[in-house]
């Protein structure tokens, strides 16, 4: 059973690091919208290709994600990441330790 414990802890670490990195990507993408960078820049295209599919999904499935000209999709994505890092990651760690 210890193998499953190590597996769950490894998944928890990878998920935590991935969510942390993606939260920074979302934050940088939001900050870049305030300065209106060159849309042909490789960095801007990369950030949009990574964040826009998630933002579009949130906008389609949550009608309150857009209030007039205000787009709340990035904030909802960041709150979801925050929740997953506070709830799911520690739960996977605890499950991993209990299976050891």
PDB file of N, CA and C in Angstrom:
ATOM      1  N   UNK A   1       0.809  -1.198   0.000  1.00  0.00           N
ATOM      2  CA  UNK A   1       0.000   0.000   0.000  1.00  0.00           C
ATOM      3  C   UNK A   1       0.853   1.262   0.000  1.00  0.00           C
ATOM      4  N   UNK A   2       2.115   1.161   0.419  1.00  0.00           N
ATOM      5  CA  UNK A   2       2.963   2.351   0.488  1.00  0.00           C
ATOM      6  C   UNK A   2       3.181   2.970  -0.891  1.00  0.00           C
ATOM      7  N   UNK A   3       3.074   2.153  -1.949  1.00  0.00           N
ATOM      8  CA  UNK A   3       3.259   2.682  -3.304  1.00  0.00           C
ATOM      9  C   UNK A   3       2.154   3.679  -3.629  1.00  0.00           C
ATOM     10  N   UNK A   4       0.926   3.365  -3.228  1.00  0.00           N
ATOM     11  CA  UNK A   4      -0.175   4.293  -3.473  1.00  0.00           C
ATOM     12  C   UNK A   4      -0.012   5.564  -2.645  1.00  0.00           C
ATOM     13  N   UNK A   5       0.545   5.428  -1.464  1.00  0.00           N
ATOM     14  CA  UNK A   5       0.815   6.616  -0.656  1.00  0.00           C
ATOM     15  C   UNK A   5       1.795   7.547  -1.334  1.00  0.00           C
ATOM     16  N   UNK A   6       2.861   6.978  -1.867  1.00  0.00           N
ATOM     17  CA  UNK A   6       3.835   7.795  -2.603  1.00  0.00           C
ATOM     18  C   UNK A   6       3.213   8.375  -3.867  1.00  0.00           C
ATOM     19  N   UNK A   7       2.363   7.601  -4.527  1.00  0.00           N
ATOM     20  CA  UNK A   7       1.700   8.077  -5.741  1.00  0.00           C
ATOM     21  C   UNK A   7       0.831   9.292  -5.438  1.00  0.00           C
ATOM     22  N   UNK A   8       0.010   9.217  -4.402  1.00  0.00           N
ATOM     23  CA  UNK A   8      -0.875  10.339  -4.069  1.00  0.00           C
ATOM     24  C   UNK A   8      -0.085  11.573  -3.640  1.00  0.00           C
ATOM     25  N   UNK A   9       0.999  11.378  -2.914  1.00  0.00           N
ATOM     26  CA  UNK A   9       1.818  12.528  -2.523  1.00  0.00           C
ATOM     27  C   UNK A   9       2.505  13.147  -3.739  1.00  0.00           C
ATOM     28  N   UNK A  10       2.971  12.315  -4.673  1.00  0.00           N
ATOM     29  CA  UNK A  10       3.600  12.846  -5.890  1.00  0.00           C
ATOM     30  C   UNK A  10       2.585  13.619  -6.726  1.00  0.00           C
ATOM     31  N   UNK A  11       1.379  13.082  -6.844  1.00  0.00           N
ATOM     32  CA  UNK A  11       0.326  13.790  -7.585  1.00  0.00           C
ATOM     33  C   UNK A  11       0.013  15.113  -6.903  1.00  0.00           C
ATOM     34  N   UNK A  12      -0.021  15.119  -5.575  1.00  0.00           N
ATOM     35  CA  UNK A  12      -0.302  16.354  -4.837  1.00  0.00           C
ATOM     36  C   UNK A  12       0.776  17.402  -5.091  1.00  0.00           C
ATOM     37  N   UNK A  13       2.035  16.998  -5.077  1.00  0.00           N
ATOM     38  CA  UNK A  13       3.129  17.949  -5.312  1.00  0.00           C
ATOM     39  C   UNK A  13       3.068  18.497  -6.736  1.00  0.00           C
ATOM     40  N   UNK A  14       2.883  17.617  -7.704  1.00  0.00           N
ATOM     41  CA  UNK A  14       2.821  18.059  -9.106  1.00  0.00           C
ATOM     42  C   UNK A  14       1.626  18.971  -9.326  1.00  0.00           C
ATOM     43  N   UNK A  15       0.475  18.618  -8.766  1.00  0.00           N
ATOM     44  CA  UNK A  15      -0.714  19.451  -8.904  1.00  0.00           C
ATOM     45  C   UNK A  15      -0.504  20.815  -8.253  1.00  0.00           C
ATOM     46  N   UNK A  16       0.103  20.837  -7.078  1.00  0.00           N
ATOM     47  CA  UNK A  16       0.350  22.097  -6.391  1.00  0.00           C
ATOM     48  C   UNK A  16       1.270  22.996  -7.203  1.00  0.00           C
ATOM     49  N   UNK A  17       2.354  22.455  -7.712  1.00  0.00           N
ATOM     50  CA  UNK A  17       3.298  23.254  -8.500  1.00  0.00           C
ATOM     51  C   UNK A  17       2.661  23.742  -9.800  1.00  0.00           C
ATOM     52  N   UNK A  18       1.868  22.884 -10.437  1.00  0.00           N
ATOM     53  CA  UNK A  18       1.201  23.263 -11.682  1.00  0.00           C
ATOM     54  C   UNK A  18       0.186  24.374 -11.444  1.00  0.00           C
ATOM     55  N   UNK A  19      -0.603  24.247 -10.392  1.00  0.00           N
ATOM     56  CA  UNK A  19      -1.582  25.283 -10.076  1.00  0.00           C
ATOM     57  C   UNK A  19      -0.898  26.596  -9.695  1.00  0.00           C
ATOM     58  N   UNK A  20       0.204  26.514  -8.966  1.00  0.00           N
ATOM     59  CA  UNK A  20       0.959  27.721  -8.602  1.00  0.00           C
ATOM     60  C   UNK A  20       1.478  28.426  -9.856  1.00  0.00           C
ATOM     61  N   UNK A  21       2.062  27.665 -10.753  1.00  0.00           N
ATOM     62  CA  UNK A  21       2.583  28.241 -11.988  1.00  0.00           C
ATOM     63  C   UNK A  21       1.462  28.832 -12.842  1.00  0.00           C
ATOM     64  N   UNK A  22       0.341  28.115 -12.942  1.00  0.00           N
ATOM     65  CA  UNK A  22      -0.758  28.614 -13.765  1.00  0.00           C
ATOM     66  C   UNK A  22      -1.373  29.880 -13.153  1.00  0.00           C
ATOM     67  N   UNK A  23      -1.379  29.989 -11.838  1.00  0.00           N
ATOM     68  CA  UNK A  23      -1.899  31.219 -11.231  1.00  0.00           C
ATOM     69  C   UNK A  23      -1.030  32.410 -11.612  1.00  0.00           C
ATOM     70  N   UNK A  24       0.288  32.226 -11.691  1.00  0.00           N
ATOM     71  CA  UNK A  24       1.163  33.302 -12.140  1.00  0.00           C
ATOM     72  C   UNK A  24       0.943  33.625 -13.609  1.00  0.00           C
ATOM     73  N   UNK A  25       0.693  32.611 -14.409  1.00  0.00           N
ATOM     74  CA  UNK A  25       0.414  32.838 -15.837  1.00  0.00           C
ATOM     75  C   UNK A  25      -0.862  33.660 -15.986  1.00  0.00           C
ATOM     76  N   UNK A  26      -1.887  33.330 -15.232  1.00  0.00           N
ATOM     77  CA  UNK A  26      -3.142  34.086 -15.284  1.00  0.00           C
ATOM     78  C   UNK A  26      -2.905  35.521 -14.831  1.00  0.00           C
ATOM     79  N   UNK A  27      -2.161  35.689 -13.765  1.00  0.00           N
ATOM     80  CA  UNK A  27      -1.886  37.036 -13.262  1.00  0.00           C
ATOM     81  C   UNK A  27      -1.124  37.878 -14.281  1.00  0.00           C
ATOM     82  N   UNK A  28      -0.122  37.306 -14.915  1.00  0.00           N
ATOM     83  CA  UNK A  28       0.642  38.043 -15.933  1.00  0.00           C
ATOM     84  C   UNK A  28      -0.250  38.359 -17.135  1.00  0.00           C
ATOM     85  N   UNK A  29      -1.090  37.419 -17.521  1.00  0.00           N
ATOM     86  CA  UNK A  29      -1.999  37.670 -18.655  1.00  0.00           C
ATOM     87  C   UNK A  29      -2.954  38.805 -18.339  1.00  0.00           C
ATOM     88  N   UNK A  30      -3.447  38.863 -17.118  1.00  0.00           N
ATOM     89  CA  UNK A  30      -4.345  39.951 -16.727  1.00  0.00           C
ATOM     90  C   UNK A  30      -3.598  41.284 -16.714  1.00  0.00           C
ATOM     91  N   UNK A  31      -2.401  41.290 -16.168  1.00  0.00           N
ATOM     92  CA  UNK A  31      -1.626  42.535 -16.130  1.00  0.00           C
ATOM     93  C   UNK A  31      -1.271  43.023 -17.533  1.00  0.00           C
ATOM     94  N   UNK A  32      -1.036  42.098 -18.443  1.00  0.00           N
ATOM     95  CA  UNK A  32      -0.715  42.503 -19.819  1.00  0.00           C
ATOM     96  C   UNK A  32      -1.903  43.148 -20.526  1.00  0.00           C
ATOM     97  N   UNK A  33      -3.124  42.805 -20.130  1.00  0.00           N
ATOM     98  CA  UNK A  33      -4.284  43.436 -20.766  1.00  0.00           C
ATOM     99  C   UNK A  33      -4.383  44.916 -20.398  1.00  0.00           C
ATOM    100  N   UNK A  34      -3.786  45.312 -19.298  1.00  0.00           N
ATOM    101  CA  UNK A  34      -3.844  46.711 -18.883  1.00  0.00           C
ATOM    102  C   UNK A  34      -2.909  47.596 -19.690  1.00  0.00           C
ATOM    103  N   UNK A  35      -1.865  47.028 -20.277  1.00  0.00           N
ATOM    104  CA  UNK A  35      -0.906  47.846 -21.007  1.00  0.00           C
ATOM    105  C   UNK A  35      -1.040  47.695 -22.518  1.00  0.00           C
ATOM    106  N   UNK A  36      -1.944  46.886 -22.982  1.00  0.00           N
ATOM    107  CA  UNK A  36      -2.198  46.587 -24.403  1.00  0.00           C
ATOM    108  C   UNK A  36      -0.894  46.353 -25.185  1.00  0.00           C
ATOM    109  N   UNK A  37      -0.287  45.185 -24.970  1.00  0.00           N
ATOM    110  CA  UNK A  37       0.969  44.878 -25.662  1.00  0.00           C
ATOM    111  C   UNK A  37       0.725  44.525 -27.125  1.00  0.00           C
ATOM    112  N   UNK A  38       1.796  44.380 -27.860  1.00  0.00           N
ATOM    113  CA  UNK A  38       1.725  43.992 -29.263  1.00  0.00           C
ATOM    114  C   UNK A  38       1.157  42.579 -29.367  1.00  0.00           C
ATOM    115  N   UNK A  39       0.018  42.391 -30.054  1.00  0.00           N
ATOM    116  CA  UNK A  39      -0.595  41.062 -30.124  1.00  0.00           C
ATOM    117  C   UNK A  39       0.226  40.037 -30.908  1.00  0.00           C
ATOM    118  N   UNK A  40       1.191  40.493 -31.674  1.00  0.00           N
ATOM    119  CA  UNK A  40       2.006  39.543 -32.436  1.00  0.00           C
ATOM    120  C   UNK A  40       3.234  39.072 -31.655  1.00  0.00           C
ATOM    121  N   UNK A  41       3.399  39.579 -30.443  1.00  0.00           N
ATOM    122  CA  UNK A  41       4.526  39.167 -29.608  1.00  0.00           C
ATOM    123  C   UNK A  41       4.376  37.689 -29.228  1.00  0.00           C
ATOM    124  N   UNK A  42       5.464  36.923 -29.280  1.00  0.00           N
ATOM    125  CA  UNK A  42       5.367  35.500 -28.928  1.00  0.00           C
ATOM    126  C   UNK A  42       4.906  35.259 -27.486  1.00  0.00           C
ATOM    127  N   UNK A  43       5.334  36.119 -26.573  1.00  0.00           N
ATOM    128  CA  UNK A  43       4.919  35.957 -25.179  1.00  0.00           C
ATOM    129  C   UNK A  43       3.417  36.188 -25.023  1.00  0.00           C
ATOM    130  N   UNK A  44       2.913  37.202 -25.668  1.00  0.00           N
ATOM    131  CA  UNK A  44       1.485  37.508 -25.587  1.00  0.00           C
ATOM    132  C   UNK A  44       0.671  36.378 -26.218  1.00  0.00           C
ATOM    133  N   UNK A  45       1.125  35.887 -27.363  1.00  0.00           N
ATOM    134  CA  UNK A  45       0.406  34.777 -28.010  1.00  0.00           C
ATOM    135  C   UNK A  45       0.425  33.529 -27.138  1.00  0.00           C
ATOM    136  N   UNK A  46       1.553  33.246 -26.483  1.00  0.00           N
ATOM    137  CA  UNK A  46       1.644  32.083 -25.601  1.00  0.00           C
ATOM    138  C   UNK A  46       0.698  32.228 -24.418  1.00  0.00           C
ATOM    139  N   UNK A  47       0.713  33.389 -23.779  1.00  0.00           N
ATOM    140  CA  UNK A  47      -0.160  33.598 -22.625  1.00  0.00           C
ATOM    141  C   UNK A  47      -1.630  33.500 -23.010  1.00  0.00           C
ATOM    142  N   UNK A  48      -1.987  34.053 -24.144  1.00  0.00           N
ATOM    143  CA  UNK A  48      -3.387  33.979 -24.576  1.00  0.00           C
ATOM    144  C   UNK A  48      -3.784  32.557 -24.964  1.00  0.00           C
ATOM    145  N   UNK A  49      -2.876  31.828 -25.572  1.00  0.00           N
ATOM    146  CA  UNK A  49      -3.220  30.449 -25.956  1.00  0.00           C
ATOM    147  C   UNK A  49      -3.351  29.546 -24.739  1.00  0.00           C
ATOM    148  N   UNK A  50      -2.717  29.906 -23.644  1.00  0.00           N
ATOM    149  CA  UNK A  50      -2.795  29.101 -22.426  1.00  0.00           C
ATOM    150  C   UNK A  50      -3.975  29.519 -21.552  1.00  0.00           C
ATOM    151  N   UNK A  51      -4.319  30.797 -21.543  1.00  0.00           N
ATOM    152  CA  UNK A  51      -5.362  31.270 -20.628  1.00  0.00           C
ATOM    153  C   UNK A  51      -6.734  31.431 -21.272  1.00  0.00           C
ATOM    154  N   UNK A  52      -6.801  31.831 -22.519  1.00  0.00           N
ATOM    155  CA  UNK A  52      -8.100  32.115 -23.129  1.00  0.00           C
ATOM    156  C   UNK A  52      -9.043  30.913 -23.203  1.00  0.00           C
ATOM    157  N   UNK A  53      -8.569  29.690 -23.464  1.00  0.00           N
ATOM    158  CA  UNK A  53      -9.528  28.567 -23.436  1.00  0.00           C
ATOM    159  C   UNK A  53     -10.198  28.389 -22.072  1.00  0.00           C
ATOM    160  N   UNK A  54      -9.462  28.595 -21.008  1.00  0.00           N
ATOM    161  CA  UNK A  54     -10.040  28.478 -19.665  1.00  0.00           C
ATOM    162  C   UNK A  54     -10.994  29.639 -19.404  1.00  0.00           C
ATOM    163  N   UNK A  55     -10.580  30.846 -19.766  1.00  0.00           N
ATOM    164  CA  UNK A  55     -11.457  32.003 -19.573  1.00  0.00           C
ATOM    165  C   UNK A  55     -12.743  31.855 -20.389  1.00  0.00           C
ATOM    166  N   UNK A  56     -12.627  31.398 -21.628  1.00  0.00           N
ATOM    167  CA  UNK A  56     -13.819  31.210 -22.460  1.00  0.00           C
ATOM    168  C   UNK A  56     -14.758  30.174 -21.862  1.00  0.00           C
ATOM    169  N   UNK A  57     -14.201  29.092 -21.304  1.00  0.00           N
ATOM    170  CA  UNK A  57     -15.039  28.074 -20.673  1.00  0.00           C
ATOM    171  C   UNK A  57     -15.799  28.672 -19.500  1.00  0.00           C
ATOM    172  N   UNK A  58     -15.118  29.471 -18.690  1.00  0.00           N
ATOM    173  CA  UNK A  58     -15.768  30.109 -17.543  1.00  0.00           C
ATOM    174  C   UNK A  58     -16.845  31.069 -18.023  1.00  0.00           C
ATOM    175  N   UNK A  59     -16.563  31.845 -19.041  1.00  0.00           N
ATOM    176  CA  UNK A  59     -17.553  32.807 -19.554  1.00  0.00           C
ATOM    177  C   UNK A  59     -18.788  32.110 -20.105  1.00  0.00           C
ATOM    178  N   UNK A  60     -18.594  30.966 -20.767  1.00  0.00           N
ATOM    179  CA  UNK A  60     -19.741  30.237 -21.332  1.00  0.00           C
ATOM    180  C   UNK A  60     -20.596  29.575 -20.259  1.00  0.00           C
ATOM    181  N   UNK A  61     -19.966  29.007 -19.238  1.00  0.00           N
ATOM    182  CA  UNK A  61     -20.702  28.219 -18.257  1.00  0.00           C
ATOM    183  C   UNK A  61     -21.182  29.012 -17.042  1.00  0.00           C
ATOM    184  N   UNK A  62     -20.615  30.161 -16.808  1.00  0.00           N
ATOM    185  CA  UNK A  62     -21.041  31.010 -15.692  1.00  0.00           C
ATOM    186  C   UNK A  62     -21.480  32.360 -16.250  1.00  0.00           C
ATOM    187  N   UNK A  63     -22.784  32.562 -16.371  1.00  0.00           N
ATOM    188  CA  UNK A  63     -23.257  33.802 -17.020  1.00  0.00           C
ATOM    189  C   UNK A  63     -22.894  35.068 -16.246  1.00  0.00           C
ATOM    190  N   UNK A  64     -22.623  34.956 -14.952  1.00  0.00           N
ATOM    191  CA  UNK A  64     -22.268  36.140 -14.173  1.00  0.00           C
ATOM    192  C   UNK A  64     -20.782  36.479 -14.280  1.00  0.00           C
ATOM    193  N   UNK A  65     -20.043  35.766 -15.125  1.00  0.00           N
ATOM    194  CA  UNK A  65     -18.610  36.027 -15.267  1.00  0.00           C
ATOM    195  C   UNK A  65     -18.337  37.323 -16.027  1.00  0.00           C
ATOM    196  N   UNK A  66     -19.325  37.808 -16.749  1.00  0.00           N
ATOM    197  CA  UNK A  66     -19.180  39.101 -17.420  1.00  0.00           C
ATOM    198  C   UNK A  66     -20.301  40.010 -16.962  1.00  0.00           C
ATOM    199  N   UNK A  67     -19.917  41.101 -16.318  1.00  0.00           N
ATOM    200  CA  UNK A  67     -20.875  42.085 -15.840  1.00  0.00           C
ATOM    201  C   UNK A  67     -20.601  43.365 -16.601  1.00  0.00           C
ATOM    202  N   UNK A  68     -21.395  43.613 -17.630  1.00  0.00           N
ATOM    203  CA  UNK A  68     -21.154  44.784 -18.468  1.00  0.00           C
ATOM    204  C   UNK A  68     -19.804  44.668 -19.154  1.00  0.00           C
ATOM    205  N   UNK A  69     -18.952  45.649 -18.925  1.00  0.00           N
ATOM    206  CA  UNK A  69     -17.608  45.638 -19.510  1.00  0.00           C
ATOM    207  C   UNK A  69     -16.588  44.947 -18.612  1.00  0.00           C
ATOM    208  N   UNK A  70     -16.996  44.508 -17.431  1.00  0.00           N
ATOM    209  CA  UNK A  70     -16.097  43.896 -16.467  1.00  0.00           C
ATOM    210  C   UNK A  70     -16.076  42.381 -16.667  1.00  0.00           C
ATOM    211  N   UNK A  71     -14.896  41.838 -16.892  1.00  0.00           N
ATOM    212  CA  UNK A  71     -14.721  40.397 -17.083  1.00  0.00           C
ATOM    213  C   UNK A  71     -14.193  39.794 -15.787  1.00  0.00           C
ATOM    214  N   UNK A  72     -15.007  38.977 -15.154  1.00  0.00           N
ATOM    215  CA  UNK A  72     -14.632  38.359 -13.887  1.00  0.00           C
ATOM    216  C   UNK A  72     -14.031  36.964 -14.058  1.00  0.00           C
ATOM    217  N   UNK A  73     -13.903  36.492 -15.288  1.00  0.00           N
ATOM    218  CA  UNK A  73     -13.391  35.138 -15.537  1.00  0.00           C
ATOM    219  C   UNK A  73     -11.994  34.927 -14.941  1.00  0.00           C
ATOM    220  N   UNK A  74     -11.032  35.838 -15.125  1.00  0.00           N
ATOM    221  CA  UNK A  74      -9.720  35.610 -14.512  1.00  0.00           C
ATOM    222  C   UNK A  74      -9.773  35.520 -12.989  1.00  0.00           C
ATOM    223  N   UNK A  75     -10.600  36.348 -12.376  1.00  0.00           N
ATOM    224  CA  UNK A  75     -10.715  36.310 -10.927  1.00  0.00           C
ATOM    225  C   UNK A  75     -11.346  34.995 -10.467  1.00  0.00           C
ATOM    226  N   UNK A  76     -12.342  34.509 -11.192  1.00  0.00           N
ATOM    227  CA  UNK A  76     -12.951  33.226 -10.845  1.00  0.00           C
ATOM    228  C   UNK A  76     -11.968  32.073 -11.026  1.00  0.00           C
ATOM    229  N   UNK A  77     -11.141  32.156 -12.056  1.00  0.00           N
ATOM    230  CA  UNK A  77     -10.116  31.126 -12.265  1.00  0.00           C
ATOM    231  C   UNK A  77      -9.108  31.157 -11.125  1.00  0.00           C
ATOM    232  N   UNK A  78      -8.682  32.336 -10.721  1.00  0.00           N
ATOM    233  CA  UNK A  78      -7.736  32.445  -9.606  1.00  0.00           C
ATOM    234  C   UNK A  78      -8.342  31.945  -8.295  1.00  0.00           C
ATOM    235  N   UNK A  79      -9.619  32.236  -8.057  1.00  0.00           N
ATOM    236  CA  UNK A  79     -10.282  31.720  -6.853  1.00  0.00           C
ATOM    237  C   UNK A  79     -10.391  30.198  -6.888  1.00  0.00           C
ATOM    238  N   UNK A  80     -10.650  29.651  -8.058  1.00  0.00           N
ATOM    239  CA  UNK A  80     -10.718  28.192  -8.189  1.00  0.00           C
ATOM    240  C   UNK A  80      -9.355  27.561  -7.924  1.00  0.00           C
ATOM    241  N   UNK A  81      -8.305  28.164  -8.452  1.00  0.00           N
ATOM    242  CA  UNK A  81      -6.951  27.668  -8.197  1.00  0.00           C
ATOM    243  C   UNK A  81      -6.640  27.751  -6.709  1.00  0.00           C
ATOM    244  N   UNK A  82      -7.014  28.840  -6.095  1.00  0.00           N
ATOM    245  CA  UNK A  82      -6.781  29.029  -4.668  1.00  0.00           C
ATOM    246  C   UNK A  82      -7.508  27.950  -3.860  1.00  0.00           C
ATOM    247  N   UNK A  83      -8.769  27.697  -4.212  1.00  0.00           N
ATOM    248  CA  UNK A  83      -9.538  26.661  -3.523  1.00  0.00           C
ATOM    249  C   UNK A  83      -8.897  25.285  -3.695  1.00  0.00           C
ATOM    250  N   UNK A  84      -8.493  24.957  -4.915  1.00  0.00           N
ATOM    251  CA  UNK A  84      -7.885  23.646  -5.160  1.00  0.00           C
ATOM    252  C   UNK A  84      -6.576  23.484  -4.394  1.00  0.00           C
ATOM    253  N   UNK A  85      -5.807  24.553  -4.308  1.00  0.00           N
ATOM    254  CA  UNK A  85      -4.540  24.471  -3.565  1.00  0.00           C
ATOM    255  C   UNK A  85      -4.773  24.377  -2.059  1.00  0.00           C
ATOM    256  N   UNK A  86      -5.874  24.925  -1.564  1.00  0.00           N
ATOM    257  CA  UNK A  86      -6.157  24.868  -0.130  1.00  0.00           C
ATOM    258  C   UNK A  86      -6.928  23.621   0.281  1.00  0.00           C
ATOM    259  N   UNK A  87      -7.670  23.015  -0.640  1.00  0.00           N
ATOM    260  CA  UNK A  87      -8.507  21.871  -0.287  1.00  0.00           C
ATOM    261  C   UNK A  87      -8.005  20.564  -0.894  1.00  0.00           C
ATOM    262  N   UNK A  88      -7.852  20.522  -2.197  1.00  0.00           N
ATOM    263  CA  UNK A  88      -7.537  19.264  -2.873  1.00  0.00           C
ATOM    264  C   UNK A  88      -6.106  18.806  -2.614  1.00  0.00           C
ATOM    265  N   UNK A  89      -5.150  19.703  -2.705  1.00  0.00           N
ATOM    266  CA  UNK A  89      -3.746  19.325  -2.525  1.00  0.00           C
ATOM    267  C   UNK A  89      -3.481  18.780  -1.115  1.00  0.00           C
ATOM    268  N   UNK A  90      -3.921  19.469  -0.047  1.00  0.00           N
ATOM    269  CA  UNK A  90      -3.705  18.878   1.285  1.00  0.00           C
ATOM    270  C   UNK A  90      -4.455  17.565   1.484  1.00  0.00           C
ATOM    271  N   UNK A  91      -5.625  17.444   0.869  1.00  0.00           N
ATOM    272  CA  UNK A  91      -6.366  16.186   0.981  1.00  0.00           C
ATOM    273  C   UNK A  91      -5.600  15.042   0.335  1.00  0.00           C
ATOM    274  N   UNK A  92      -4.983  15.294  -0.808  1.00  0.00           N
ATOM    275  CA  UNK A  92      -4.175  14.260  -1.453  1.00  0.00           C
ATOM    276  C   UNK A  92      -2.943  13.916  -0.621  1.00  0.00           C
ATOM    277  N   UNK A  93      -2.332  14.931  -0.013  1.00  0.00           N
ATOM    278  CA  UNK A  93      -1.197  14.673   0.886  1.00  0.00           C
ATOM    279  C   UNK A  93      -1.619  13.784   2.051  1.00  0.00           C
ATOM    280  N   UNK A  94      -2.743  14.138   2.688  1.00  0.00           N
ATOM    281  CA  UNK A  94      -3.211  13.346   3.834  1.00  0.00           C
ATOM    282  C   UNK A  94      -3.552  11.927   3.411  1.00  0.00           C
ATOM    283  N   UNK A  95      -4.179  11.778   2.272  1.00  0.00           N
ATOM    284  CA  UNK A  95      -4.493  10.443   1.788  1.00  0.00           C
ATOM    285  C   UNK A  95      -3.216   9.651   1.530  1.00  0.00           C
ATOM    286  N   UNK A  96      -2.216  10.312   0.979  1.00  0.00           N
ATOM    287  CA  UNK A  96      -0.946   9.656   0.732  1.00  0.00           C
ATOM    288  C   UNK A  96      -0.271   9.209   2.019  1.00  0.00           C
ATOM    289  N   UNK A  97      -0.314  10.035   3.043  1.00  0.00           N
ATOM    290  CA  UNK A  97       0.303   9.653   4.324  1.00  0.00           C
ATOM    291  C   UNK A  97      -0.477   8.537   5.015  1.00  0.00           C
ATOM    292  N   UNK A  98      -1.790   8.537   4.859  1.00  0.00           N
ATOM    293  CA  UNK A  98      -2.591   7.476   5.500  1.00  0.00           C
ATOM    294  C   UNK A  98      -2.418   6.132   4.817  1.00  0.00           C
ATOM    295  N   UNK A  99      -2.082   6.147   3.537  1.00  0.00           N
ATOM    296  CA  UNK A  99      -1.898   4.880   2.818  1.00  0.00           C
ATOM    297  C   UNK A  99      -0.500   4.307   3.001  1.00  0.00           C
ATOM    298  N   UNK A 100       0.357   5.008   3.676  1.00  0.00           N
ATOM    299  CA  UNK A 100       1.730   4.525   3.852  1.00  0.00           C
ATOM    300  C   UNK A 100       1.830   3.440   4.876  1.00  0.00           C
TER     301      UNK A 100
END
